[in-house]
Amino acid sequence: MNVNLRHGKFISLGSLPYEEVSKIELPSVTRVTKFATCASEYEYLNMPSIEDSTAIILGGLFDAIVTQKGVSDYVVVDVDTGPTSKAYKKAADEIKASGKKPITQDVMDKAQKMADSFMSHPFVTSALCPINDIVYQNAFKCDTHKGIADVYDKTNGIVYEIKTSSNPQKFKWAAEDLGYKMQLAAYMRAFDAIDGYWLVIDSNPPHEVYPIKIKEETYYLALKQFDDSLVRFGKINKNNPQRASVAYL
């Protein structure tokens, strides 16, 4: 078990359901990194909830298919009319009211094609091969925060974060702007991993996959940035407890 003087013991929770992890009253890695990427505290305090844009829904469904966790949370809207019609909106609202996420058949088909391409990629089939002790959606907690890593290879000590991108060639800028470096570094430390990769899939056909390994110097710089942000996050939420509620995992 990994122990850190600042954060205490890092405890692996395995593939604990999202609903159970959300009940743990600690800030999540994703929430802290979201806070860190805000231009100001004002922007964070007025930050809206993540919208269910097509890109976000597609990425979430793709992750669910690959990790085999949460696919049932997505329900295809079974109407003949398009997503702008009243009939579609009514059916989508009913699905939302049941706690599920409405999607079109086109989104389902695209996510499945992306997942098929991802799982057949040579790097992925080698890295996530059955002989390794692979844990999908591996959760953890410590004294100061919690999180869920996409994939943890316990055999080789490697954390993999799966990302979708419409322009993978520019992913290095997204990794900085969206806090992905801090996110991966925090997960690596939590599981005492020796390596970390982003597995970036192009959302455009033919859905090529780009494995990107985090550099050692990037890892340490990102960890410092995460820890500094966690301290600031704690201070600002003392006076704004409603913002401390964890919406992102």
C-alpha atoms as a PDB file:
ATOM      1  CA  MET A   1       0.000   0.000   0.000  1.00  0.00           C
ATOM      2  CA  ASN A   2       1.396   3.376  -1.046  1.00  0.00           C
ATOM      3  CA  VAL A   3       1.823   5.884   1.802  1.00  0.00           C
ATOM      4  CA  ASN A   4       2.465   9.613   1.440  1.00  0.00           C
ATOM      5  CA  LEU A   5       3.155  11.963   4.363  1.00  0.00           C
ATOM      6  CA  ARG A   6       0.918  14.649   2.893  1.00  0.00           C
ATOM      7  CA  HIS A   7      -1.971  12.459   1.796  1.00  0.00           C
ATOM      8  CA  GLY A   8      -1.766   9.418   4.075  1.00  0.00           C
ATOM      9  CA  LYS A   9      -2.454   5.903   2.842  1.00  0.00           C
ATOM     10  CA  PHE A  10      -3.651   5.377  -0.721  1.00  0.00           C
ATOM     11  CA  ILE A  11      -6.279   2.655  -0.560  1.00  0.00           C
ATOM     12  CA  SER A  12      -7.348   0.844  -3.728  1.00  0.00           C
ATOM     13  CA  LEU A  13     -11.110   0.319  -3.861  1.00  0.00           C
ATOM     14  CA  GLY A  14     -11.103  -1.833  -6.993  1.00  0.00           C
ATOM     15  CA  SER A  15     -13.944  -1.513  -9.494  1.00  0.00           C
ATOM     16  CA  LEU A  16     -16.261   0.203  -7.026  1.00  0.00           C
ATOM     17  CA  PRO A  17     -19.419   1.513  -8.755  1.00  0.00           C
ATOM     18  CA  TYR A  18     -19.468   5.224  -9.579  1.00  0.00           C
ATOM     19  CA  GLU A  19     -22.453   5.748  -7.282  1.00  0.00           C
ATOM     20  CA  GLU A  20     -20.521   4.349  -4.315  1.00  0.00           C
ATOM     21  CA  VAL A  21     -17.397   6.403  -5.041  1.00  0.00           C
ATOM     22  CA  SER A  22     -19.503   9.559  -5.336  1.00  0.00           C
ATOM     23  CA  LYS A  23     -20.711   9.033  -1.747  1.00  0.00           C
ATOM     24  CA  ILE A  24     -17.167   9.326  -0.384  1.00  0.00           C
ATOM     25  CA  GLU A  25     -16.925  12.875   0.951  1.00  0.00           C
ATOM     26  CA  LEU A  26     -13.587  13.802  -0.575  1.00  0.00           C
ATOM     27  CA  PRO A  27     -12.720  15.947  -3.598  1.00  0.00           C
ATOM     28  CA  SER A  28     -12.070  13.902  -6.714  1.00  0.00           C
ATOM     29  CA  VAL A  29      -8.955  14.163  -8.846  1.00  0.00           C
ATOM     30  CA  THR A  30     -11.082  15.306 -11.783  1.00  0.00           C
ATOM     31  CA  ARG A  31     -12.767  18.032  -9.723  1.00  0.00           C
ATOM     32  CA  VAL A  32      -9.420  19.354  -8.497  1.00  0.00           C
ATOM     33  CA  THR A  33      -7.904  19.369 -11.982  1.00  0.00           C
ATOM     34  CA  LYS A  34     -11.009  21.138 -13.297  1.00  0.00           C
ATOM     35  CA  PHE A  35     -10.536  23.760 -10.599  1.00  0.00           C
ATOM     36  CA  ALA A  36      -6.831  24.062 -11.454  1.00  0.00           C
ATOM     37  CA  THR A  37      -7.572  24.829 -15.101  1.00  0.00           C
ATOM     38  CA  CYS A  38      -9.983  27.660 -14.313  1.00  0.00           C
ATOM     39  CA  ALA A  39      -8.588  31.111 -15.052  1.00  0.00           C
ATOM     40  CA  SER A  40      -9.756  32.453 -11.694  1.00  0.00           C
ATOM     41  CA  GLU A  41     -11.581  31.502  -8.513  1.00  0.00           C
ATOM     42  CA  TYR A  42     -14.569  33.462  -9.820  1.00  0.00           C
ATOM     43  CA  GLU A  43     -14.691  31.259 -12.918  1.00  0.00           C
ATOM     44  CA  TYR A  44     -14.600  28.143 -10.746  1.00  0.00           C
ATOM     45  CA  LEU A  45     -17.308  29.387  -8.372  1.00  0.00           C
ATOM     46  CA  ASN A  46     -19.565  30.138 -11.343  1.00  0.00           C
ATOM     47  CA  MET A  47     -18.623  27.038 -13.291  1.00  0.00           C
ATOM     48  CA  PRO A  48     -21.702  25.301 -14.707  1.00  0.00           C
ATOM     49  CA  SER A  49     -22.167  21.583 -14.595  1.00  0.00           C
ATOM     50  CA  ILE A  50     -20.718  19.603 -17.480  1.00  0.00           C
ATOM     51  CA  GLU A  51     -23.175  19.788 -20.351  1.00  0.00           C
ATOM     52  CA  ASP A  52     -24.286  16.664 -22.136  1.00  0.00           C
ATOM     53  CA  SER A  53     -22.769  17.664 -25.456  1.00  0.00           C
ATOM     54  CA  THR A  54     -22.515  15.055 -28.192  1.00  0.00           C
ATOM     55  CA  ALA A  55     -18.724  14.922 -27.793  1.00  0.00           C
ATOM     56  CA  ILE A  56     -18.918  14.345 -24.022  1.00  0.00           C
ATOM     57  CA  ILE A  57     -21.640  11.715 -24.381  1.00  0.00           C
ATOM     58  CA  LEU A  58     -19.717   9.949 -27.156  1.00  0.00           C
ATOM     59  CA  GLY A  59     -16.527   9.912 -25.092  1.00  0.00           C
ATOM     60  CA  GLY A  60     -18.331   8.634 -22.017  1.00  0.00           C
ATOM     61  CA  LEU A  61     -20.112   5.872 -23.919  1.00  0.00           C
ATOM     62  CA  PHE A  62     -16.884   4.845 -25.640  1.00  0.00           C
ATOM     63  CA  ASP A  63     -15.146   4.607 -22.239  1.00  0.00           C
ATOM     64  CA  ALA A  64     -18.040   2.555 -20.882  1.00  0.00           C
ATOM     65  CA  ILE A  65     -17.891   0.066 -23.767  1.00  0.00           C
ATOM     66  CA  VAL A  66     -14.112  -0.326 -23.520  1.00  0.00           C
ATOM     67  CA  THR A  67     -14.021  -0.689 -19.733  1.00  0.00           C
ATOM     68  CA  GLN A  68     -17.277  -2.669 -19.660  1.00  0.00           C
ATOM     69  CA  LYS A  69     -18.539  -0.389 -16.911  1.00  0.00           C
ATOM     70  CA  GLY A  70     -21.703   1.685 -17.142  1.00  0.00           C
ATOM     71  CA  VAL A  71     -22.935   0.820 -20.644  1.00  0.00           C
ATOM     72  CA  SER A  72     -26.433   0.298 -19.247  1.00  0.00           C
ATOM     73  CA  ASP A  73     -26.464   3.963 -18.191  1.00  0.00           C
ATOM     74  CA  TYR A  74     -26.934   4.889 -21.854  1.00  0.00           C
ATOM     75  CA  VAL A  75     -30.288   4.307 -23.556  1.00  0.00           C
ATOM     76  CA  VAL A  76     -31.049   4.754 -27.254  1.00  0.00           C
ATOM     77  CA  VAL A  77     -34.069   6.978 -27.849  1.00  0.00           C
ATOM     78  CA  ASP A  78     -36.444   4.745 -29.782  1.00  0.00           C
ATOM     79  CA  VAL A  79     -38.331   7.222 -31.966  1.00  0.00           C
ATOM     80  CA  ASP A  80     -38.408   7.630 -35.739  1.00  0.00           C
ATOM     81  CA  THR A  81     -38.046  11.419 -35.686  1.00  0.00           C
ATOM     82  CA  GLY A  82     -34.793  13.364 -35.288  1.00  0.00           C
ATOM     83  CA  PRO A  83     -33.276  14.677 -32.016  1.00  0.00           C
ATOM     84  CA  THR A  84     -34.814  18.128 -32.537  1.00  0.00           C
ATOM     85  CA  SER A  85     -38.392  16.819 -32.677  1.00  0.00           C
ATOM     86  CA  LYS A  86     -40.868  17.066 -29.807  1.00  0.00           C
ATOM     87  CA  ALA A  87     -41.305  13.296 -29.753  1.00  0.00           C
ATOM     88  CA  TYR A  88     -37.554  12.772 -29.363  1.00  0.00           C
ATOM     89  CA  LYS A  89     -37.246  15.402 -26.630  1.00  0.00           C
ATOM     90  CA  LYS A  90     -40.162  13.897 -24.716  1.00  0.00           C
ATOM     91  CA  ALA A  91     -38.659  10.406 -24.887  1.00  0.00           C
ATOM     92  CA  ALA A  92     -35.215  11.764 -23.943  1.00  0.00           C
ATOM     93  CA  ASP A  93     -36.674  13.580 -20.915  1.00  0.00           C
ATOM     94  CA  GLU A  94     -38.302  10.354 -19.740  1.00  0.00           C
ATOM     95  CA  ILE A  95     -34.981   8.544 -19.999  1.00  0.00           C
ATOM     96  CA  LYS A  96     -33.241  11.317 -18.044  1.00  0.00           C
ATOM     97  CA  ALA A  97     -35.957  11.153 -15.372  1.00  0.00           C
ATOM     98  CA  SER A  98     -35.106   7.472 -14.904  1.00  0.00           C
ATOM     99  CA  GLY A  99     -31.469   8.388 -14.198  1.00  0.00           C
ATOM    100  CA  LYS A 100     -30.168   7.255 -17.591  1.00  0.00           C
ATOM    101  CA  LYS A 101     -28.513   9.137 -20.454  1.00  0.00           C
ATOM    102  CA  PRO A 102     -30.440   9.367 -23.736  1.00  0.00           C
ATOM    103  CA  ILE A 103     -28.463   8.840 -26.939  1.00  0.00           C
ATOM    104  CA  THR A 104     -29.176   8.482 -30.634  1.00  0.00           C
ATOM    105  CA  GLN A 105     -28.553   5.252 -32.532  1.00  0.00           C
ATOM    106  CA  ASP A 106     -25.864   7.083 -34.517  1.00  0.00           C
ATOM    107  CA  VAL A 107     -23.942   7.872 -31.316  1.00  0.00           C
ATOM    108  CA  MET A 108     -24.231   4.261 -30.169  1.00  0.00           C
ATOM    109  CA  ASP A 109     -22.982   2.981 -33.525  1.00  0.00           C
ATOM    110  CA  LYS A 110     -20.051   5.411 -33.606  1.00  0.00           C
ATOM    111  CA  ALA A 111     -19.002   4.601 -30.034  1.00  0.00           C
ATOM    112  CA  GLN A 112     -19.075   0.887 -30.848  1.00  0.00           C
ATOM    113  CA  LYS A 113     -16.959   1.384 -33.974  1.00  0.00           C
ATOM    114  CA  MET A 114     -14.452   3.414 -31.942  1.00  0.00           C
ATOM    115  CA  ALA A 115     -14.339   0.714 -29.271  1.00  0.00           C
ATOM    116  CA  ASP A 116     -13.817  -2.021 -31.861  1.00  0.00           C
ATOM    117  CA  SER A 117     -10.952  -0.066 -33.431  1.00  0.00           C
ATOM    118  CA  PHE A 118      -9.452   0.662 -30.019  1.00  0.00           C
ATOM    119  CA  MET A 119      -9.516  -2.907 -28.747  1.00  0.00           C
ATOM    120  CA  SER A 120      -8.035  -4.263 -31.990  1.00  0.00           C
ATOM    121  CA  HIS A 121      -5.098  -1.844 -32.011  1.00  0.00           C
ATOM    122  CA  PRO A 122      -1.768  -3.715 -31.620  1.00  0.00           C
ATOM    123  CA  PHE A 123      -0.578  -1.601 -28.679  1.00  0.00           C
ATOM    124  CA  VAL A 124      -3.879  -2.003 -26.834  1.00  0.00           C
ATOM    125  CA  THR A 125      -4.153  -5.757 -27.422  1.00  0.00           C
ATOM    126  CA  SER A 126      -0.593  -6.162 -26.145  1.00  0.00           C
ATOM    127  CA  ALA A 127      -0.868  -3.789 -23.166  1.00  0.00           C
ATOM    128  CA  LEU A 128      -4.282  -4.958 -21.992  1.00  0.00           C
ATOM    129  CA  CYS A 129      -3.722  -8.639 -22.678  1.00  0.00           C
ATOM    130  CA  PRO A 130      -5.507 -11.197 -20.471  1.00  0.00           C
ATOM    131  CA  ILE A 131      -2.330 -12.495 -18.798  1.00  0.00           C
ATOM    132  CA  ASN A 132      -1.907  -9.170 -17.010  1.00  0.00           C
ATOM    133  CA  ASP A 133      -3.876  -8.332 -13.890  1.00  0.00           C
ATOM    134  CA  ILE A 134      -5.971  -5.559 -15.433  1.00  0.00           C
ATOM    135  CA  VAL A 135      -8.466  -3.522 -13.399  1.00  0.00           C
ATOM    136  CA  TYR A 136     -10.882  -1.260 -15.285  1.00  0.00           C
ATOM    137  CA  GLN A 137     -12.284   1.814 -13.555  1.00  0.00           C
ATOM    138  CA  ASN A 138     -10.046   1.257 -10.522  1.00  0.00           C
ATOM    139  CA  ALA A 139     -11.047   3.574  -7.691  1.00  0.00           C
ATOM    140  CA  PHE A 140      -8.953   4.806  -4.770  1.00  0.00           C
ATOM    141  CA  LYS A 141      -9.080   7.112  -1.806  1.00  0.00           C
ATOM    142  CA  CYS A 142      -6.632   8.644   0.648  1.00  0.00           C
ATOM    143  CA  ASP A 143      -6.898  11.248   3.405  1.00  0.00           C
ATOM    144  CA  THR A 144      -7.237  14.192   1.039  1.00  0.00           C
ATOM    145  CA  HIS A 145      -8.838  13.054  -2.237  1.00  0.00           C
ATOM    146  CA  LYS A 146     -10.265  10.210  -4.301  1.00  0.00           C
ATOM    147  CA  GLY A 147     -10.411   9.174  -7.938  1.00  0.00           C
ATOM    148  CA  ILE A 148     -11.086   6.537 -10.566  1.00  0.00           C
ATOM    149  CA  ALA A 149      -8.386   5.581 -13.059  1.00  0.00           C
ATOM    150  CA  ASP A 150      -9.568   4.180 -16.387  1.00  0.00           C
ATOM    151  CA  VAL A 151      -7.228   1.189 -16.455  1.00  0.00           C
ATOM    152  CA  TYR A 152      -4.596  -0.108 -14.038  1.00  0.00           C
ATOM    153  CA  ASP A 153      -2.219  -2.882 -15.042  1.00  0.00           C
ATOM    154  CA  LYS A 154      -1.245  -4.313 -11.657  1.00  0.00           C
ATOM    155  CA  THR A 155       1.178  -6.809 -13.217  1.00  0.00           C
ATOM    156  CA  ASN A 156       3.419  -4.145 -14.754  1.00  0.00           C
ATOM    157  CA  GLY A 157       2.521  -1.150 -12.604  1.00  0.00           C
ATOM    158  CA  ILE A 158       1.067   0.986 -15.395  1.00  0.00           C
ATOM    159  CA  VAL A 159      -1.890   3.395 -15.375  1.00  0.00           C
ATOM    160  CA  TYR A 160      -3.699   4.035 -18.661  1.00  0.00           C
ATOM    161  CA  GLU A 161      -6.068   6.957 -19.206  1.00  0.00           C
ATOM    162  CA  ILE A 162      -8.317   6.642 -22.258  1.00  0.00           C
ATOM    163  CA  LYS A 163      -9.042   9.883 -24.107  1.00  0.00           C
ATOM    164  CA  THR A 164     -10.973  10.777 -27.233  1.00  0.00           C
ATOM    165  CA  SER A 165      -9.885  13.603 -29.517  1.00  0.00           C
ATOM    166  CA  SER A 166     -10.974  15.046 -32.845  1.00  0.00           C
ATOM    167  CA  ASN A 167      -7.356  16.088 -33.397  1.00  0.00           C
ATOM    168  CA  PRO A 168      -4.893  13.756 -31.618  1.00  0.00           C
ATOM    169  CA  GLN A 169      -1.918  15.638 -33.086  1.00  0.00           C
ATOM    170  CA  LYS A 170      -2.813  18.525 -30.785  1.00  0.00           C
ATOM    171  CA  PHE A 171      -3.391  16.349 -27.726  1.00  0.00           C
ATOM    172  CA  LYS A 172      -0.301  17.651 -25.925  1.00  0.00           C
ATOM    173  CA  TRP A 173      -1.965  21.058 -25.667  1.00  0.00           C
ATOM    174  CA  ALA A 174      -5.209  19.508 -24.467  1.00  0.00           C
ATOM    175  CA  ALA A 175      -3.259  17.544 -21.850  1.00  0.00           C
ATOM    176  CA  GLU A 176      -2.041  20.855 -20.459  1.00  0.00           C
ATOM    177  CA  ASP A 177      -5.192  22.951 -20.878  1.00  0.00           C
ATOM    178  CA  LEU A 178      -7.619  20.327 -19.546  1.00  0.00           C
ATOM    179  CA  GLY A 179      -5.485  19.107 -16.660  1.00  0.00           C
ATOM    180  CA  TYR A 180      -4.849  15.639 -18.077  1.00  0.00           C
ATOM    181  CA  LYS A 181      -1.207  15.722 -16.945  1.00  0.00           C
ATOM    182  CA  MET A 182      -2.210  16.321 -13.330  1.00  0.00           C
ATOM    183  CA  GLN A 183      -4.915  13.694 -13.584  1.00  0.00           C
ATOM    184  CA  LEU A 184      -2.617  10.945 -14.855  1.00  0.00           C
ATOM    185  CA  ALA A 185       0.149  11.859 -12.406  1.00  0.00           C
ATOM    186  CA  ALA A 186      -2.276  11.744  -9.462  1.00  0.00           C
ATOM    187  CA  TYR A 187      -3.534   8.304 -10.495  1.00  0.00           C
ATOM    188  CA  MET A 188       0.005   7.003 -10.956  1.00  0.00           C
ATOM    189  CA  ARG A 189       0.965   8.101  -7.461  1.00  0.00           C
ATOM    190  CA  ALA A 190      -2.195   6.628  -5.959  1.00  0.00           C
ATOM    191  CA  PHE A 191      -1.400   3.172  -7.329  1.00  0.00           C
ATOM    192  CA  ASP A 192       2.368   3.532  -6.943  1.00  0.00           C
ATOM    193  CA  ALA A 193       2.679   2.972 -10.708  1.00  0.00           C
ATOM    194  CA  ILE A 194       5.995   3.113 -12.500  1.00  0.00           C
ATOM    195  CA  ASP A 195       4.590   4.288 -15.839  1.00  0.00           C
ATOM    196  CA  GLY A 196       1.569   6.093 -17.232  1.00  0.00           C
ATOM    197  CA  TYR A 197       0.064   6.389 -20.701  1.00  0.00           C
ATOM    198  CA  TRP A 198      -2.713   8.248 -22.419  1.00  0.00           C
ATOM    199  CA  LEU A 199      -4.416   6.055 -25.000  1.00  0.00           C
ATOM    200  CA  VAL A 200      -5.820   8.676 -27.349  1.00  0.00           C
ATOM    201  CA  ILE A 201      -8.323   7.616 -29.995  1.00  0.00           C
ATOM    202  CA  ASP A 202      -9.273   9.773 -32.953  1.00  0.00           C
ATOM    203  CA  SER A 203     -13.038  10.314 -32.934  1.00  0.00           C
ATOM    204  CA  ASN A 204     -12.896  10.518 -36.729  1.00  0.00           C
ATOM    205  CA  PRO A 205     -12.719   7.380 -38.922  1.00  0.00           C
ATOM    206  CA  PRO A 206     -10.729   5.158 -39.138  1.00  0.00           C
ATOM    207  CA  HIS A 207     -10.317   5.865 -35.383  1.00  0.00           C
ATOM    208  CA  GLU A 208      -6.571   5.496 -35.077  1.00  0.00           C
ATOM    209  CA  VAL A 209      -5.104   5.051 -31.578  1.00  0.00           C
ATOM    210  CA  TYR A 210      -2.104   7.020 -30.282  1.00  0.00           C
ATOM    211  CA  PRO A 211      -0.327   5.728 -27.144  1.00  0.00           C
ATOM    212  CA  ILE A 212       1.447   8.641 -25.416  1.00  0.00           C
ATOM    213  CA  LYS A 213       3.722   7.997 -22.439  1.00  0.00           C
ATOM    214  CA  ILE A 214       4.063  10.665 -19.766  1.00  0.00           C
ATOM    215  CA  LYS A 215       7.632  11.857 -19.274  1.00  0.00           C
ATOM    216  CA  GLU A 216       9.266  11.597 -15.862  1.00  0.00           C
ATOM    217  CA  GLU A 217       9.856  15.337 -15.527  1.00  0.00           C
ATOM    218  CA  THR A 218       6.258  15.998 -16.591  1.00  0.00           C
ATOM    219  CA  TYR A 219       5.048  13.564 -13.938  1.00  0.00           C
ATOM    220  CA  TYR A 220       6.802  15.390 -11.072  1.00  0.00           C
ATOM    221  CA  LEU A 221       5.810  18.850 -12.293  1.00  0.00           C
ATOM    222  CA  ALA A 222       2.201  17.758 -12.705  1.00  0.00           C
ATOM    223  CA  LEU A 223       2.120  16.242  -9.212  1.00  0.00           C
ATOM    224  CA  LYS A 224       3.341  19.498  -7.685  1.00  0.00           C
ATOM    225  CA  GLN A 225       0.720  21.416  -9.632  1.00  0.00           C
ATOM    226  CA  PHE A 226      -1.973  19.002  -8.472  1.00  0.00           C
ATOM    227  CA  ASP A 227      -0.929  19.207  -4.808  1.00  0.00           C
ATOM    228  CA  ASP A 228      -0.793  23.013  -4.913  1.00  0.00           C
ATOM    229  CA  SER A 229      -4.223  23.089  -6.539  1.00  0.00           C
ATOM    230  CA  LEU A 230      -5.608  20.687  -3.930  1.00  0.00           C
ATOM    231  CA  VAL A 231      -4.531  23.058  -1.161  1.00  0.00           C
ATOM    232  CA  ARG A 232      -6.152  26.050  -2.888  1.00  0.00           C
ATOM    233  CA  PHE A 233      -9.235  23.948  -3.606  1.00  0.00           C
ATOM    234  CA  GLY A 234      -9.621  23.160   0.090  1.00  0.00           C
ATOM    235  CA  LYS A 235      -9.313  26.804   1.116  1.00  0.00           C
ATOM    236  CA  ILE A 236     -11.848  28.144  -1.364  1.00  0.00           C
ATOM    237  CA  ASN A 237     -14.409  25.445  -0.578  1.00  0.00           C
ATOM    238  CA  LYS A 238     -14.369  26.210   3.148  1.00  0.00           C
ATOM    239  CA  ASN A 239     -16.335  29.356   2.344  1.00  0.00           C
ATOM    240  CA  ASN A 240     -18.259  27.787  -0.543  1.00  0.00           C
ATOM    241  CA  PRO A 241     -19.280  24.302   0.633  1.00  0.00           C
ATOM    242  CA  GLN A 242     -21.843  23.909  -2.166  1.00  0.00           C
ATOM    243  CA  ARG A 243     -19.004  23.900  -4.690  1.00  0.00           C
ATOM    244  CA  ALA A 244     -17.270  21.075  -2.850  1.00  0.00           C
ATOM    245  CA  SER A 245     -19.935  18.625  -3.903  1.00  0.00           C
ATOM    246  CA  VAL A 246     -18.271  16.192  -6.259  1.00  0.00           C
ATOM    247  CA  ALA A 247     -19.839  16.109  -9.708  1.00  0.00           C
ATOM    248  CA  TYR A 248     -16.802  14.828 -11.560  1.00  0.00           C
ATOM    249  CA  LEU A 249     -15.165  11.435 -11.165  1.00  0.00           C
END
